[in-house]
Amino acid sequence: MHIKILGSGCKKCLALADNAQAAAQSAGIDFEIEKVTDFVAIAGYGIMSTPGLVIDEKVVASGRVLTATEIGEFLKEA
């Protein structure tokens, strides 16, 4: 599973990355996390507010830090 964190690398982006990693590890999923900081690439996803979370090229959230539990629900659906 490919998980992308979209944002500048701010505190919220780092927290989202940590929560995504915790959720994927808890679910026992084989995953890779990529941090995308290029604003042109971020805009290409239609994200206007960071941080953004993309799972297997599907935008699942933007503009807030999801908890590991919330991310886990998205991982189950993917």
C-alpha atoms as a PDB file:
ATOM      1  CA  MET A   1       0.000   0.000   0.000  1.00  0.00           C
ATOM      2  CA  HIS A   2       1.307   3.426  -0.932  1.00  0.00           C
ATOM      3  CA  ILE A   3       0.520   6.246   1.509  1.00  0.00           C
ATOM      4  CA  LYS A   4       1.361   9.859   0.685  1.00  0.00           C
ATOM      5  CA  ILE A   5       1.454  12.762   3.095  1.00  0.00           C
ATOM      6  CA  LEU A   6       0.938  16.031   1.246  1.00  0.00           C
ATOM      7  CA  GLY A   7       2.300  19.189   2.864  1.00  0.00           C
ATOM      8  CA  SER A   8       5.244  21.421   3.576  1.00  0.00           C
ATOM      9  CA  GLY A   9       6.719  19.249   6.310  1.00  0.00           C
ATOM     10  CA  CYS A  10       5.121  21.258   9.098  1.00  0.00           C
ATOM     11  CA  LYS A  11       4.277  19.930  12.551  1.00  0.00           C
ATOM     12  CA  LYS A  12       0.782  18.830  11.425  1.00  0.00           C
ATOM     13  CA  CYS A  13       2.214  17.016   8.398  1.00  0.00           C
ATOM     14  CA  LEU A  14       4.677  15.137  10.605  1.00  0.00           C
ATOM     15  CA  ALA A  15       1.902  14.216  13.046  1.00  0.00           C
ATOM     16  CA  LEU A  16      -0.230  12.883  10.176  1.00  0.00           C
ATOM     17  CA  ALA A  17       2.716  10.820   8.911  1.00  0.00           C
ATOM     18  CA  ASP A  18       3.264   9.363  12.388  1.00  0.00           C
ATOM     19  CA  ASN A  19      -0.438   8.505  12.715  1.00  0.00           C
ATOM     20  CA  ALA A  20      -0.503   6.906   9.256  1.00  0.00           C
ATOM     21  CA  GLN A  21       2.521   4.785  10.101  1.00  0.00           C
ATOM     22  CA  ALA A  22       0.976   3.701  13.409  1.00  0.00           C
ATOM     23  CA  ALA A  23      -2.316   2.804  11.694  1.00  0.00           C
ATOM     24  CA  ALA A  24      -0.640   0.765   8.952  1.00  0.00           C
ATOM     25  CA  GLN A  25       1.589  -1.080  11.425  1.00  0.00           C
ATOM     26  CA  SER A  26      -1.379  -1.790  13.678  1.00  0.00           C
ATOM     27  CA  ALA A  27      -3.326  -3.210  10.719  1.00  0.00           C
ATOM     28  CA  GLY A  28      -0.366  -5.361   9.706  1.00  0.00           C
ATOM     29  CA  ILE A  29      -0.302  -3.831   6.232  1.00  0.00           C
ATOM     30  CA  ASP A  30       2.772  -3.803   4.003  1.00  0.00           C
ATOM     31  CA  PHE A  31       3.120  -0.078   3.291  1.00  0.00           C
ATOM     32  CA  GLU A  32       5.341   2.700   2.051  1.00  0.00           C
ATOM     33  CA  ILE A  33       4.982   6.314   3.191  1.00  0.00           C
ATOM     34  CA  GLU A  34       6.013   9.113   0.853  1.00  0.00           C
ATOM     35  CA  LYS A  35       6.102  12.761   1.890  1.00  0.00           C
ATOM     36  CA  VAL A  36       5.194  15.101  -0.959  1.00  0.00           C
ATOM     37  CA  THR A  37       6.303  18.690  -0.346  1.00  0.00           C
ATOM     38  CA  ASP A  38       6.189  20.083  -3.896  1.00  0.00           C
ATOM     39  CA  PHE A  39       3.208  22.437  -4.006  1.00  0.00           C
ATOM     40  CA  VAL A  40       2.634  21.892  -7.736  1.00  0.00           C
ATOM     41  CA  ALA A  41       2.348  18.141  -7.086  1.00  0.00           C
ATOM     42  CA  ILE A  42       0.073  18.780  -4.093  1.00  0.00           C
ATOM     43  CA  ALA A  43      -2.166  21.037  -6.188  1.00  0.00           C
ATOM     44  CA  GLY A  44      -2.349  18.242  -8.751  1.00  0.00           C
ATOM     45  CA  TYR A  45      -4.286  16.229  -6.176  1.00  0.00           C
ATOM     46  CA  GLY A  46      -6.767  19.072  -5.758  1.00  0.00           C
ATOM     47  CA  ILE A  47      -5.573  19.737  -2.225  1.00  0.00           C
ATOM     48  CA  MET A  48      -5.885  23.374  -1.216  1.00  0.00           C
ATOM     49  CA  SER A  49      -5.358  22.870   2.515  1.00  0.00           C
ATOM     50  CA  THR A  50      -2.597  20.738   4.003  1.00  0.00           C
ATOM     51  CA  PRO A  51      -1.872  18.268   5.380  1.00  0.00           C
ATOM     52  CA  GLY A  52      -3.370  15.848   2.911  1.00  0.00           C
ATOM     53  CA  LEU A  53      -3.557  12.072   3.033  1.00  0.00           C
ATOM     54  CA  VAL A  54      -3.521   9.948  -0.127  1.00  0.00           C
ATOM     55  CA  ILE A  55      -3.891   6.174  -0.017  1.00  0.00           C
ATOM     56  CA  ASP A  56      -3.123   4.301  -3.236  1.00  0.00           C
ATOM     57  CA  GLU A  57      -3.591   7.535  -5.252  1.00  0.00           C
ATOM     58  CA  LYS A  58      -6.977   8.330  -3.688  1.00  0.00           C
ATOM     59  CA  VAL A  59      -7.259  11.526  -1.642  1.00  0.00           C
ATOM     60  CA  VAL A  60      -8.962  10.567   1.610  1.00  0.00           C
ATOM     61  CA  ALA A  61      -8.468  13.721   3.709  1.00  0.00           C
ATOM     62  CA  SER A  62      -7.113  17.240   3.642  1.00  0.00           C
ATOM     63  CA  GLY A  63      -6.760  20.150   5.985  1.00  0.00           C
ATOM     64  CA  ARG A  64      -6.607  18.218   9.253  1.00  0.00           C
ATOM     65  CA  VAL A  65      -4.619  15.656  11.181  1.00  0.00           C
ATOM     66  CA  LEU A  66      -6.480  12.370  11.278  1.00  0.00           C
ATOM     67  CA  THR A  67      -5.989  10.047  14.232  1.00  0.00           C
ATOM     68  CA  ALA A  68      -4.466   6.612  13.738  1.00  0.00           C
ATOM     69  CA  THR A  69      -7.937   5.128  14.315  1.00  0.00           C
ATOM     70  CA  GLU A  70      -9.490   7.287  11.584  1.00  0.00           C
ATOM     71  CA  ILE A  71      -6.692   6.385   9.171  1.00  0.00           C
ATOM     72  CA  GLY A  72      -7.152   2.723  10.047  1.00  0.00           C
ATOM     73  CA  GLU A  73     -10.744   2.913   8.799  1.00  0.00           C
ATOM     74  CA  PHE A  74      -9.550   4.249   5.439  1.00  0.00           C
ATOM     75  CA  LEU A  75      -6.931   1.515   5.231  1.00  0.00           C
ATOM     76  CA  LYS A  76      -9.612  -1.150   5.709  1.00  0.00           C
ATOM     77  CA  GLU A  77     -11.586   0.307   2.793  1.00  0.00           C
ATOM     78  CA  ALA A  78      -8.569   0.480   0.457  1.00  0.00           C
END
